[in-house]
Amino acid sequence: MQIRLTVVDPLAPPSPARGRAASCDVLVTAPAGTALAAVASALASSVAGDAGTSRGAGTSRSSGFEGAKETERGGGPVVLYAGAERLDDRRSTLGEPPLTDGAVLSLGAPAAPEP
């Protein structure tokens, strides 16, 4: 299964070129029924690469389901939000709402709505 996700990092400094939080479009390839926990670290690393910082193992924008679940930004687990909803990484499944094709996820905190 493949889905496209946009990952936003509202806690990172705004991009000088765009004046808003760092973000990255990611193509996730994983078996159907994969838990968010399996790809959370790779999603966090993808937006970190755009921001020019490193929070974990480097990944490309096309993400598989390998990787640790820890982030260097605090050493804790990766926390992702869909809108204002904090996602449970073990119960949230790729391909099921809100983790469907085209979803926007926020890293570490809910993202402010776009103007």
PDB file of N, CA and C in Angstrom:
ATOM      1  N   MET A   1       0.840  -1.165   0.000  1.00  0.00           N
ATOM      2  CA  MET A   1       0.000   0.000   0.000  1.00  0.00           C
ATOM      3  C   MET A   1       0.890   1.234   0.000  1.00  0.00           C
ATOM      4  N   GLN A   2       0.453   2.262  -0.712  1.00  0.00           N
ATOM      5  CA  GLN A   2       1.162   3.542  -0.720  1.00  0.00           C
ATOM      6  C   GLN A   2       0.177   4.658  -0.408  1.00  0.00           C
ATOM      7  N   ILE A   3       0.604   5.570   0.484  1.00  0.00           N
ATOM      8  CA  ILE A   3      -0.181   6.776   0.739  1.00  0.00           C
ATOM      9  C   ILE A   3       0.758   7.966   0.787  1.00  0.00           C
ATOM     10  N   ARG A   4       0.230   9.118   0.396  1.00  0.00           N
ATOM     11  CA  ARG A   4       0.994  10.369   0.468  1.00  0.00           C
ATOM     12  C   ARG A   4       0.565  11.111   1.719  1.00  0.00           C
ATOM     13  N   LEU A   5       1.546  11.560   2.485  1.00  0.00           N
ATOM     14  CA  LEU A   5       1.289  12.336   3.695  1.00  0.00           C
ATOM     15  C   LEU A   5       2.115  13.608   3.639  1.00  0.00           C
ATOM     16  N   THR A   6       1.628  14.663   4.245  1.00  0.00           N
ATOM     17  CA  THR A   6       2.413  15.874   4.446  1.00  0.00           C
ATOM     18  C   THR A   6       2.714  15.947   5.924  1.00  0.00           C
ATOM     19  N   VAL A   7       3.990  16.091   6.267  1.00  0.00           N
ATOM     20  CA  VAL A   7       4.409  16.190   7.662  1.00  0.00           C
ATOM     21  C   VAL A   7       4.878  17.620   7.902  1.00  0.00           C
ATOM     22  N   VAL A   8       4.303  18.262   8.917  1.00  0.00           N
ATOM     23  CA  VAL A   8       4.617  19.647   9.276  1.00  0.00           C
ATOM     24  C   VAL A   8       5.275  19.639  10.647  1.00  0.00           C
ATOM     25  N   ASP A   9       6.305  20.474  10.826  1.00  0.00           N
ATOM     26  CA  ASP A   9       6.962  20.605  12.130  1.00  0.00           C
ATOM     27  C   ASP A   9       6.707  22.008  12.673  1.00  0.00           C
ATOM     28  N   PRO A  10       5.607  22.205  13.420  1.00  0.00           N
ATOM     29  CA  PRO A  10       5.274  23.544  13.909  1.00  0.00           C
ATOM     30  C   PRO A  10       6.230  24.057  14.983  1.00  0.00           C
ATOM     31  N   LEU A  11       7.057  23.185  15.546  1.00  0.00           N
ATOM     32  CA  LEU A  11       7.994  23.590  16.591  1.00  0.00           C
ATOM     33  C   LEU A  11       9.336  24.037  16.030  1.00  0.00           C
ATOM     34  N   ALA A  12       9.588  23.764  14.760  1.00  0.00           N
ATOM     35  CA  ALA A  12      10.845  24.180  14.125  1.00  0.00           C
ATOM     36  C   ALA A  12      10.751  25.657  13.753  1.00  0.00           C
ATOM     37  N   PRO A  13      11.906  26.322  13.629  1.00  0.00           N
ATOM     38  CA  PRO A  13      11.867  27.722  13.181  1.00  0.00           C
ATOM     39  C   PRO A  13      11.229  27.807  11.794  1.00  0.00           C
ATOM     40  N   PRO A  14      10.482  28.874  11.527  1.00  0.00           N
ATOM     41  CA  PRO A  14       9.858  29.012  10.201  1.00  0.00           C
ATOM     42  C   PRO A  14      10.908  29.053   9.096  1.00  0.00           C
ATOM     43  N   SER A  15      10.554  28.505   7.958  1.00  0.00           N
ATOM     44  CA  SER A  15      11.423  28.539   6.788  1.00  0.00           C
ATOM     45  C   SER A  15      11.546  29.983   6.314  1.00  0.00           C
ATOM     46  N   PRO A  16      12.785  30.505   6.151  1.00  0.00           N
ATOM     47  CA  PRO A  16      12.938  31.891   5.702  1.00  0.00           C
ATOM     48  C   PRO A  16      12.301  32.139   4.334  1.00  0.00           C
ATOM     49  N   ALA A  17      12.367  31.163   3.462  1.00  0.00           N
ATOM     50  CA  ALA A  17      11.830  31.336   2.112  1.00  0.00           C
ATOM     51  C   ALA A  17      10.303  31.384   2.110  1.00  0.00           C
ATOM     52  N   ARG A  18       9.675  30.609   2.994  1.00  0.00           N
ATOM     53  CA  ARG A  18       8.216  30.526   2.982  1.00  0.00           C
ATOM     54  C   ARG A  18       7.564  31.233   4.161  1.00  0.00           C
ATOM     55  N   GLY A  19       8.326  31.512   5.219  1.00  0.00           N
ATOM     56  CA  GLY A  19       7.774  32.198   6.374  1.00  0.00           C
ATOM     57  C   GLY A  19       6.802  31.372   7.192  1.00  0.00           C
ATOM     58  N   ARG A  20       6.871  30.058   7.071  1.00  0.00           N
ATOM     59  CA  ARG A  20       5.998  29.187   7.860  1.00  0.00           C
ATOM     60  C   ARG A  20       6.755  27.929   8.259  1.00  0.00           C
ATOM     61  N   ALA A  21       6.119  27.097   9.045  1.00  0.00           N
ATOM     62  CA  ALA A  21       6.764  25.903   9.592  1.00  0.00           C
ATOM     63  C   ALA A  21       7.294  24.990   8.486  1.00  0.00           C
ATOM     64  N   ALA A  22       8.372  24.283   8.820  1.00  0.00           N
ATOM     65  CA  ALA A  22       8.945  23.313   7.889  1.00  0.00           C
ATOM     66  C   ALA A  22       7.920  22.219   7.608  1.00  0.00           C
ATOM     67  N   SER A  23       7.876  21.763   6.364  1.00  0.00           N
ATOM     68  CA  SER A  23       6.975  20.672   6.002  1.00  0.00           C
ATOM     69  C   SER A  23       7.609  19.844   4.899  1.00  0.00           C
ATOM     70  N   CYS A  24       7.099  18.639   4.738  1.00  0.00           N
ATOM     71  CA  CYS A  24       7.639  17.731   3.733  1.00  0.00           C
ATOM     72  C   CYS A  24       6.530  16.793   3.266  1.00  0.00           C
ATOM     73  N   ASP A  25       6.432  16.589   1.973  1.00  0.00           N
ATOM     74  CA  ASP A  25       5.514  15.598   1.423  1.00  0.00           C
ATOM     75  C   ASP A  25       6.241  14.269   1.378  1.00  0.00           C
ATOM     76  N   VAL A  26       5.580  13.219   1.849  1.00  0.00           N
ATOM     77  CA  VAL A  26       6.210  11.908   1.982  1.00  0.00           C
ATOM     78  C   VAL A  26       5.322  10.851   1.336  1.00  0.00           C
ATOM     79  N   LEU A  27       5.936   9.946   0.590  1.00  0.00           N
ATOM     80  CA  LEU A  27       5.235   8.784   0.059  1.00  0.00           C
ATOM     81  C   LEU A  27       5.578   7.612   0.963  1.00  0.00           C
ATOM     82  N   VAL A  28       4.574   7.055   1.630  1.00  0.00           N
ATOM     83  CA  VAL A  28       4.789   5.945   2.560  1.00  0.00           C
ATOM     84  C   VAL A  28       4.368   4.655   1.875  1.00  0.00           C
ATOM     85  N   THR A  29       5.275   3.691   1.845  1.00  0.00           N
ATOM     86  CA  THR A  29       4.994   2.370   1.306  1.00  0.00           C
ATOM     87  C   THR A  29       5.095   1.378   2.454  1.00  0.00           C
ATOM     88  N   ALA A  30       3.994   0.720   2.768  1.00  0.00           N
ATOM     89  CA  ALA A  30       3.960  -0.220   3.888  1.00  0.00           C
ATOM     90  C   ALA A  30       2.830  -1.218   3.649  1.00  0.00           C
ATOM     91  N   PRO A  31       2.920  -2.382   4.267  1.00  0.00           N
ATOM     92  CA  PRO A  31       1.829  -3.351   4.136  1.00  0.00           C
ATOM     93  C   PRO A  31       0.526  -2.801   4.724  1.00  0.00           C
ATOM     94  N   ALA A  32      -0.596  -3.213   4.178  1.00  0.00           N
ATOM     95  CA  ALA A  32      -1.895  -2.816   4.725  1.00  0.00           C
ATOM     96  C   ALA A  32      -1.959  -3.231   6.189  1.00  0.00           C
ATOM     97  N   GLY A  33      -2.550  -2.379   7.012  1.00  0.00           N
ATOM     98  CA  GLY A  33      -2.677  -2.678   8.433  1.00  0.00           C
ATOM     99  C   GLY A  33      -1.484  -2.279   9.271  1.00  0.00           C
ATOM    100  N   THR A  34      -0.509  -1.596   8.677  1.00  0.00           N
ATOM    101  CA  THR A  34       0.681  -1.173   9.417  1.00  0.00           C
ATOM    102  C   THR A  34       0.326  -0.088  10.423  1.00  0.00           C
ATOM    103  N   ALA A  35       0.805  -0.248  11.655  1.00  0.00           N
ATOM    104  CA  ALA A  35       0.580   0.754  12.697  1.00  0.00           C
ATOM    105  C   ALA A  35       1.450   1.978  12.439  1.00  0.00           C
ATOM    106  N   LEU A  36       0.961   3.137  12.834  1.00  0.00           N
ATOM    107  CA  LEU A  36       1.713   4.381  12.701  1.00  0.00           C
ATOM    108  C   LEU A  36       3.069   4.276  13.382  1.00  0.00           C
ATOM    109  N   ALA A  37       3.151   3.543  14.471  1.00  0.00           N
ATOM    110  CA  ALA A  37       4.411   3.394  15.211  1.00  0.00           C
ATOM    111  C   ALA A  37       5.543   2.889  14.321  1.00  0.00           C
ATOM    112  N   ALA A  38       5.217   2.083  13.319  1.00  0.00           N
ATOM    113  CA  ALA A  38       6.237   1.510  12.446  1.00  0.00           C
ATOM    114  C   ALA A  38       6.893   2.544  11.535  1.00  0.00           C
ATOM    115  N   VAL A  39       6.219   3.656  11.267  1.00  0.00           N
ATOM    116  CA  VAL A  39       6.767   4.661  10.350  1.00  0.00           C
ATOM    117  C   VAL A  39       6.966   6.027  10.998  1.00  0.00           C
ATOM    118  N   ALA A  40       6.595   6.179  12.255  1.00  0.00           N
ATOM    119  CA  ALA A  40       6.642   7.492  12.918  1.00  0.00           C
ATOM    120  C   ALA A  40       8.031   8.111  12.889  1.00  0.00           C
ATOM    121  N   SER A  41       9.057   7.340  13.177  1.00  0.00           N
ATOM    122  CA  SER A  41      10.423   7.865  13.185  1.00  0.00           C
ATOM    123  C   SER A  41      10.845   8.330  11.794  1.00  0.00           C
ATOM    124  N   ALA A  42      10.506   7.558  10.777  1.00  0.00           N
ATOM    125  CA  ALA A  42      10.855   7.940   9.407  1.00  0.00           C
ATOM    126  C   ALA A  42      10.115   9.212   8.992  1.00  0.00           C
ATOM    127  N   LEU A  43       8.867   9.366   9.415  1.00  0.00           N
ATOM    128  CA  LEU A  43       8.119  10.588   9.106  1.00  0.00           C
ATOM    129  C   LEU A  43       8.764  11.793   9.774  1.00  0.00           C
ATOM    130  N   ALA A  44       9.156  11.647  11.039  1.00  0.00           N
ATOM    131  CA  ALA A  44       9.817  12.744  11.758  1.00  0.00           C
ATOM    132  C   ALA A  44      11.144  13.095  11.099  1.00  0.00           C
ATOM    133  N   SER A  45      11.890  12.098  10.673  1.00  0.00           N
ATOM    134  CA  SER A  45      13.177  12.338  10.023  1.00  0.00           C
ATOM    135  C   SER A  45      13.015  13.033   8.682  1.00  0.00           C
ATOM    136  N   SER A  46      11.934  12.759   7.980  1.00  0.00           N
ATOM    137  CA  SER A  46      11.745  13.371   6.661  1.00  0.00           C
ATOM    138  C   SER A  46      11.581  14.879   6.766  1.00  0.00           C
ATOM    139  N   VAL A  47      10.824  15.365   7.719  1.00  0.00           N
ATOM    140  CA  VAL A  47      10.647  16.811   7.866  1.00  0.00           C
ATOM    141  C   VAL A  47      11.889  17.430   8.487  1.00  0.00           C
ATOM    142  N   ALA A  48      12.604  16.693   9.309  1.00  0.00           N
ATOM    143  CA  ALA A  48      13.849  17.199   9.901  1.00  0.00           C
ATOM    144  C   ALA A  48      14.891  17.423   8.817  1.00  0.00           C
ATOM    145  N   GLY A  49      14.917  16.578   7.805  1.00  0.00           N
ATOM    146  CA  GLY A  49      15.864  16.740   6.709  1.00  0.00           C
ATOM    147  C   GLY A  49      15.626  18.021   5.944  1.00  0.00           C
ATOM    148  N   ASP A  50      14.364  18.406   5.754  1.00  0.00           N
ATOM    149  CA  ASP A  50      14.049  19.666   5.085  1.00  0.00           C
ATOM    150  C   ASP A  50      14.443  20.858   5.928  1.00  0.00           C
ATOM    151  N   ALA A  51      14.371  20.720   7.255  1.00  0.00           N
ATOM    152  CA  ALA A  51      14.688  21.833   8.149  1.00  0.00           C
ATOM    153  C   ALA A  51      16.184  21.968   8.360  1.00  0.00           C
ATOM    154  N   GLY A  52      16.956  20.990   7.866  1.00  0.00           N
ATOM    155  CA  GLY A  52      18.407  21.062   7.995  1.00  0.00           C
ATOM    156  C   GLY A  52      18.926  20.578   9.328  1.00  0.00           C
ATOM    157  N   THR A  53      18.100  19.875  10.094  1.00  0.00           N
ATOM    158  CA  THR A  53      18.539  19.320  11.365  1.00  0.00           C
ATOM    159  C   THR A  53      18.367  17.822  11.318  1.00  0.00           C
ATOM    160  N   SER A  54      18.960  17.151  12.275  1.00  0.00           N
ATOM    161  CA  SER A  54      18.844  15.702  12.312  1.00  0.00           C
ATOM    162  C   SER A  54      18.198  15.282  13.617  1.00  0.00           C
ATOM    163  N   ARG A  55      17.135  14.502  13.526  1.00  0.00           N
ATOM    164  CA  ARG A  55      16.473  13.998  14.721  1.00  0.00           C
ATOM    165  C   ARG A  55      16.549  12.497  14.817  1.00  0.00           C
ATOM    166  N   GLY A  56      17.049  11.840  13.857  1.00  0.00           N
ATOM    167  CA  GLY A  56      17.088  10.386  13.894  1.00  0.00           C
ATOM    168  C   GLY A  56      17.833   9.901  12.673  1.00  0.00           C
ATOM    169  N   ALA A  57      17.664   8.646  12.363  1.00  0.00           N
ATOM    170  CA  ALA A  57      18.316   8.099  11.186  1.00  0.00           C
ATOM    171  C   ALA A  57      17.801   8.815   9.949  1.00  0.00           C
ATOM    172  N   GLY A  58      18.686   9.103   9.018  1.00  0.00           N
ATOM    173  CA  GLY A  58      18.281   9.803   7.804  1.00  0.00           C
ATOM    174  C   GLY A  58      17.393   8.935   6.943  1.00  0.00           C
ATOM    175  N   THR A  59      16.434   9.552   6.293  1.00  0.00           N
ATOM    176  CA  THR A  59      15.554   8.815   5.396  1.00  0.00           C
ATOM    177  C   THR A  59      15.348   9.630   4.137  1.00  0.00           C
ATOM    178  N   SER A  60      14.888   8.974   3.122  1.00  0.00           N
ATOM    179  CA  SER A  60      14.504   9.699   1.922  1.00  0.00           C
ATOM    180  C   SER A  60      13.045  10.105   2.067  1.00  0.00           C
ATOM    181  N   ARG A  61      12.539  10.822   1.074  1.00  0.00           N
ATOM    182  CA  ARG A  61      11.147  11.238   1.140  1.00  0.00           C
ATOM    183  C   ARG A  61      10.208  10.068   0.901  1.00  0.00           C
ATOM    184  N   SER A  62      10.698   8.995   0.337  1.00  0.00           N
ATOM    185  CA  SER A  62       9.887   7.799   0.195  1.00  0.00           C
ATOM    186  C   SER A  62      10.228   6.916   1.379  1.00  0.00           C
ATOM    187  N   SER A  63       9.264   6.680   2.225  1.00  0.00           N
ATOM    188  CA  SER A  63       9.540   6.086   3.521  1.00  0.00           C
ATOM    189  C   SER A  63       9.005   4.668   3.614  1.00  0.00           C
ATOM    190  N   GLY A  64       9.828   3.779   4.108  1.00  0.00           N
ATOM    191  CA  GLY A  64       9.397   2.425   4.408  1.00  0.00           C
ATOM    192  C   GLY A  64       8.937   2.369   5.839  1.00  0.00           C
ATOM    193  N   PHE A  65       8.896   1.160   6.414  1.00  0.00           N
ATOM    194  CA  PHE A  65       8.395   1.070   7.769  1.00  0.00           C
ATOM    195  C   PHE A  65       9.467   0.651   8.756  1.00  0.00           C
ATOM    196  N   GLU A  66      10.746   0.882   8.436  1.00  0.00           N
ATOM    197  CA  GLU A  66      11.802   0.574   9.375  1.00  0.00           C
ATOM    198  C   GLU A  66      12.096   1.804  10.212  1.00  0.00           C
ATOM    199  N   GLY A  67      12.873   1.640  11.260  1.00  0.00           N
ATOM    200  CA  GLY A  67      13.361   2.797  12.003  1.00  0.00           C
ATOM    201  C   GLY A  67      12.985   2.770  13.461  1.00  0.00           C
ATOM    202  N   ALA A  68      13.779   3.445  14.243  1.00  0.00           N
ATOM    203  CA  ALA A  68      13.515   3.560  15.665  1.00  0.00           C
ATOM    204  C   ALA A  68      12.387   4.546  15.885  1.00  0.00           C
ATOM    205  N   LYS A  69      11.859   4.547  17.089  1.00  0.00           N
ATOM    206  CA  LYS A  69      10.744   5.404  17.414  1.00  0.00           C
ATOM    207  C   LYS A  69      11.165   6.621  18.215  1.00  0.00           C
ATOM    208  N   GLU A  70      12.421   6.788  18.488  1.00  0.00           N
ATOM    209  CA  GLU A  70      12.900   7.890  19.314  1.00  0.00           C
ATOM    210  C   GLU A  70      13.352   9.046  18.436  1.00  0.00           C
ATOM    211  N   THR A  71      13.287  10.242  18.970  1.00  0.00           N
ATOM    212  CA  THR A  71      13.748  11.425  18.264  1.00  0.00           C
ATOM    213  C   THR A  71      14.771  12.141  19.119  1.00  0.00           C
ATOM    214  N   GLU A  72      15.781  12.729  18.487  1.00  0.00           N
ATOM    215  CA  GLU A  72      16.820  13.419  19.238  1.00  0.00           C
ATOM    216  C   GLU A  72      16.305  14.692  19.879  1.00  0.00           C
ATOM    217  N   ARG A  73      15.172  15.236  19.405  1.00  0.00           N
ATOM    218  CA  ARG A  73      14.668  16.490  19.942  1.00  0.00           C
ATOM    219  C   ARG A  73      14.243  16.315  21.390  1.00  0.00           C
ATOM    220  N   GLY A  74      14.304  15.417  22.093  1.00  0.00           N
ATOM    221  CA  GLY A  74      13.906  15.302  23.476  1.00  0.00           C
ATOM    222  C   GLY A  74      14.132  13.880  23.911  1.00  0.00           C
ATOM    223  N   GLY A  75      14.536  13.041  22.998  1.00  0.00           N
ATOM    224  CA  GLY A  75      14.815  11.667  23.332  1.00  0.00           C
ATOM    225  C   GLY A  75      13.574  10.833  23.574  1.00  0.00           C
ATOM    226  N   GLY A  76      12.400  11.421  23.465  1.00  0.00           N
ATOM    227  CA  GLY A  76      11.165  10.695  23.716  1.00  0.00           C
ATOM    228  C   GLY A  76      10.579  10.149  22.436  1.00  0.00           C
ATOM    229  N   PRO A  77       9.421   9.551  22.556  1.00  0.00           N
ATOM    230  CA  PRO A  77       8.769   9.004  21.368  1.00  0.00           C
ATOM    231  C   PRO A  77       8.297  10.108  20.428  1.00  0.00           C
ATOM    232  N   VAL A  78       8.156   9.768  19.176  1.00  0.00           N
ATOM    233  CA  VAL A  78       7.642  10.695  18.170  1.00  0.00           C
ATOM    234  C   VAL A  78       6.144  10.862  18.425  1.00  0.00           C
ATOM    235  N   VAL A  79       5.696  12.111  18.519  1.00  0.00           N
ATOM    236  CA  VAL A  79       4.280  12.413  18.735  1.00  0.00           C
ATOM    237  C   VAL A  79       3.756  13.099  17.478  1.00  0.00           C
ATOM    238  N   LEU A  80       2.704  12.540  16.904  1.00  0.00           N
ATOM    239  CA  LEU A  80       2.109  13.091  15.687  1.00  0.00           C
ATOM    240  C   LEU A  80       0.650  13.453  15.925  1.00  0.00           C
ATOM    241  N   TYR A  81       0.218  14.522  15.264  1.00  0.00           N
ATOM    242  CA  TYR A  81      -1.157  15.005  15.354  1.00  0.00           C
ATOM    243  C   TYR A  81      -1.764  15.053  13.962  1.00  0.00           C
ATOM    244  N   ALA A  82      -3.057  14.778  13.885  1.00  0.00           N
ATOM    245  CA  ALA A  82      -3.854  15.015  12.681  1.00  0.00           C
ATOM    246  C   ALA A  82      -4.861  16.077  13.090  1.00  0.00           C
ATOM    247  N   GLY A  83      -4.647  17.309  12.644  1.00  0.00           N
ATOM    248  CA  GLY A  83      -5.451  18.425  13.146  1.00  0.00           C
ATOM    249  C   GLY A  83      -5.107  18.629  14.612  1.00  0.00           C
ATOM    250  N   ALA A  84      -6.109  18.696  15.467  1.00  0.00           N
ATOM    251  CA  ALA A  84      -5.882  18.859  16.906  1.00  0.00           C
ATOM    252  C   ALA A  84      -5.809  17.522  17.630  1.00  0.00           C
ATOM    253  N   GLU A  85      -6.040  16.419  16.911  1.00  0.00           N
ATOM    254  CA  GLU A  85      -6.088  15.087  17.515  1.00  0.00           C
ATOM    255  C   GLU A  85      -4.692  14.466  17.619  1.00  0.00           C
ATOM    256  N   ARG A  86      -4.291  14.135  18.852  1.00  0.00           N
ATOM    257  CA  ARG A  86      -3.032  13.418  19.046  1.00  0.00           C
ATOM    258  C   ARG A  86      -3.270  11.967  18.649  1.00  0.00           C
ATOM    259  N   LEU A  87      -2.406  11.453  17.777  1.00  0.00           N
ATOM    260  CA  LEU A  87      -2.574  10.094  17.270  1.00  0.00           C
ATOM    261  C   LEU A  87      -1.894   9.083  18.187  1.00  0.00           C
ATOM    262  N   ASP A  88      -2.594   8.012  18.479  1.00  0.00           N
ATOM    263  CA  ASP A  88      -2.016   6.897  19.229  1.00  0.00           C
ATOM    264  C   ASP A  88      -1.255   6.061  18.208  1.00  0.00           C
ATOM    265  N   ASP A  89       0.070   6.072  18.305  1.00  0.00           N
ATOM    266  CA  ASP A  89       0.875   5.431  17.260  1.00  0.00           C
ATOM    267  C   ASP A  89       0.698   3.923  17.187  1.00  0.00           C
ATOM    268  N   ARG A  90       0.198   3.289  18.229  1.00  0.00           N
ATOM    269  CA  ARG A  90      -0.015   1.840  18.180  1.00  0.00           C
ATOM    270  C   ARG A  90      -1.402   1.473  17.678  1.00  0.00           C
ATOM    271  N   ARG A  91      -2.358   2.366  17.866  1.00  0.00           N
ATOM    272  CA  ARG A  91      -3.731   2.070  17.448  1.00  0.00           C
ATOM    273  C   ARG A  91      -4.097   2.699  16.112  1.00  0.00           C
ATOM    274  N   SER A  92      -3.371   3.713  15.699  1.00  0.00           N
ATOM    275  CA  SER A  92      -3.639   4.358  14.407  1.00  0.00           C
ATOM    276  C   SER A  92      -3.019   3.521  13.304  1.00  0.00           C
ATOM    277  N   THR A  93      -3.807   3.222  12.293  1.00  0.00           N
ATOM    278  CA  THR A  93      -3.381   2.338  11.213  1.00  0.00           C
ATOM    279  C   THR A  93      -3.318   3.101   9.897  1.00  0.00           C
ATOM    280  N   LEU A  94      -2.222   2.912   9.167  1.00  0.00           N
ATOM    281  CA  LEU A  94      -2.073   3.557   7.859  1.00  0.00           C
ATOM    282  C   LEU A  94      -3.195   3.107   6.930  1.00  0.00           C
ATOM    283  N   GLY A  95      -3.783   4.061   6.232  1.00  0.00           N
ATOM    284  CA  GLY A  95      -4.860   3.768   5.299  1.00  0.00           C
ATOM    285  C   GLY A  95      -6.244   3.924   5.903  1.00  0.00           C
ATOM    286  N   GLU A  96      -6.322   4.042   7.244  1.00  0.00           N
ATOM    287  CA  GLU A  96      -7.602   4.250   7.923  1.00  0.00           C
ATOM    288  C   GLU A  96      -7.641   5.672   8.472  1.00  0.00           C
ATOM    289  N   PRO A  97      -8.826   6.319   8.460  1.00  0.00           N
ATOM    290  CA  PRO A  97      -8.911   7.703   8.945  1.00  0.00           C
ATOM    291  C   PRO A  97      -8.320   7.847  10.350  1.00  0.00           C
ATOM    292  N   PRO A  98      -7.569   8.892  10.576  1.00  0.00           N
ATOM    293  CA  PRO A  98      -7.273  10.022   9.699  1.00  0.00           C
ATOM    294  C   PRO A  98      -6.025   9.812   8.841  1.00  0.00           C
ATOM    295  N   LEU A  99      -5.434   8.617   8.856  1.00  0.00           N
ATOM    296  CA  LEU A  99      -4.186   8.362   8.118  1.00  0.00           C
ATOM    297  C   LEU A  99      -4.466   7.852   6.708  1.00  0.00           C
ATOM    298  N   THR A 100      -5.177   8.662   5.947  1.00  0.00           N
ATOM    299  CA  THR A 100      -5.510   8.317   4.570  1.00  0.00           C
ATOM    300  C   THR A 100      -4.657   9.140   3.614  1.00  0.00           C
ATOM    301  N   ASP A 101      -4.712   8.793   2.347  1.00  0.00           N
ATOM    302  CA  ASP A 101      -3.934   9.495   1.332  1.00  0.00           C
ATOM    303  C   ASP A 101      -4.234  10.991   1.375  1.00  0.00           C
ATOM    304  N   GLY A 102      -3.174  11.804   1.436  1.00  0.00           N
ATOM    305  CA  GLY A 102      -3.323  13.256   1.456  1.00  0.00           C
ATOM    306  C   GLY A 102      -3.406  13.868   2.841  1.00  0.00           C
ATOM    307  N   ALA A 103      -3.343  13.063   3.890  1.00  0.00           N
ATOM    308  CA  ALA A 103      -3.448  13.587   5.257  1.00  0.00           C
ATOM    309  C   ALA A 103      -2.263  14.491   5.591  1.00  0.00           C
ATOM    310  N   VAL A 104      -2.511  15.465   6.464  1.00  0.00           N
ATOM    311  CA  VAL A 104      -1.471  16.362   6.962  1.00  0.00           C
ATOM    312  C   VAL A 104      -1.254  16.034   8.431  1.00  0.00           C
ATOM    313  N   LEU A 105      -0.015  15.687   8.775  1.00  0.00           N
ATOM    314  CA  LEU A 105       0.344  15.352  10.154  1.00  0.00           C
ATOM    315  C   LEU A 105       1.282  16.404  10.706  1.00  0.00           C
ATOM    316  N   SER A 106       1.147  16.702  11.990  1.00  0.00           N
ATOM    317  CA  SER A 106       2.022  17.664  12.664  1.00  0.00           C
ATOM    318  C   SER A 106       2.907  16.919  13.643  1.00  0.00           C
ATOM    319  N   LEU A 107       4.160  17.307  13.693  1.00  0.00           N
ATOM    320  CA  LEU A 107       5.150  16.673  14.553  1.00  0.00           C
ATOM    321  C   LEU A 107       5.273  17.439  15.868  1.00  0.00           C
ATOM    322  N   GLY A 108       4.987  16.777  16.991  1.00  0.00           N
ATOM    323  CA  GLY A 108       5.231  17.356  18.310  1.00  0.00           C
ATOM    324  C   GLY A 108       4.145  18.235  18.879  1.00  0.00           C
ATOM    325  N   ALA A 109       3.316  18.846  18.053  1.00  0.00           N
ATOM    326  CA  ALA A 109       2.243  19.731  18.509  1.00  0.00           C
ATOM    327  C   ALA A 109       1.268  19.940  17.358  1.00  0.00           C
ATOM    328  N   PRO A 110       0.025  20.276  17.674  1.00  0.00           N
ATOM    329  CA  PRO A 110      -0.906  20.579  16.578  1.00  0.00           C
ATOM    330  C   PRO A 110      -0.410  21.790  15.791  1.00  0.00           C
ATOM    331  N   ALA A 111      -0.565  21.752  14.495  1.00  0.00           N
ATOM    332  CA  ALA A 111      -0.138  22.877  13.648  1.00  0.00           C
ATOM    333  C   ALA A 111      -1.203  23.961  13.657  1.00  0.00           C
ATOM    334  N   ALA A 112      -0.748  25.194  13.552  1.00  0.00           N
ATOM    335  CA  ALA A 112      -1.683  26.313  13.414  1.00  0.00           C
ATOM    336  C   ALA A 112      -2.324  26.218  12.038  1.00  0.00           C
ATOM    337  N   PRO A 113      -3.590  26.558  11.918  1.00  0.00           N
ATOM    338  CA  PRO A 113      -4.233  26.516  10.599  1.00  0.00           C
ATOM    339  C   PRO A 113      -3.547  27.469   9.626  1.00  0.00           C
ATOM    340  N   GLU A 114      -3.475  27.056   8.368  1.00  0.00           N
ATOM    341  CA  GLU A 114      -2.892  27.903   7.322  1.00  0.00           C
ATOM    342  C   GLU A 114      -3.804  29.094   7.073  1.00  0.00           C
ATOM    343  N   PRO A 115      -3.222  30.263   6.755  1.00  0.00           N
ATOM    344  CA  PRO A 115      -4.062  31.452   6.481  1.00  0.00           C
ATOM    345  C   PRO A 115      -4.856  31.315   5.204  1.00  0.00           C
TER     346      PRO A 115
END
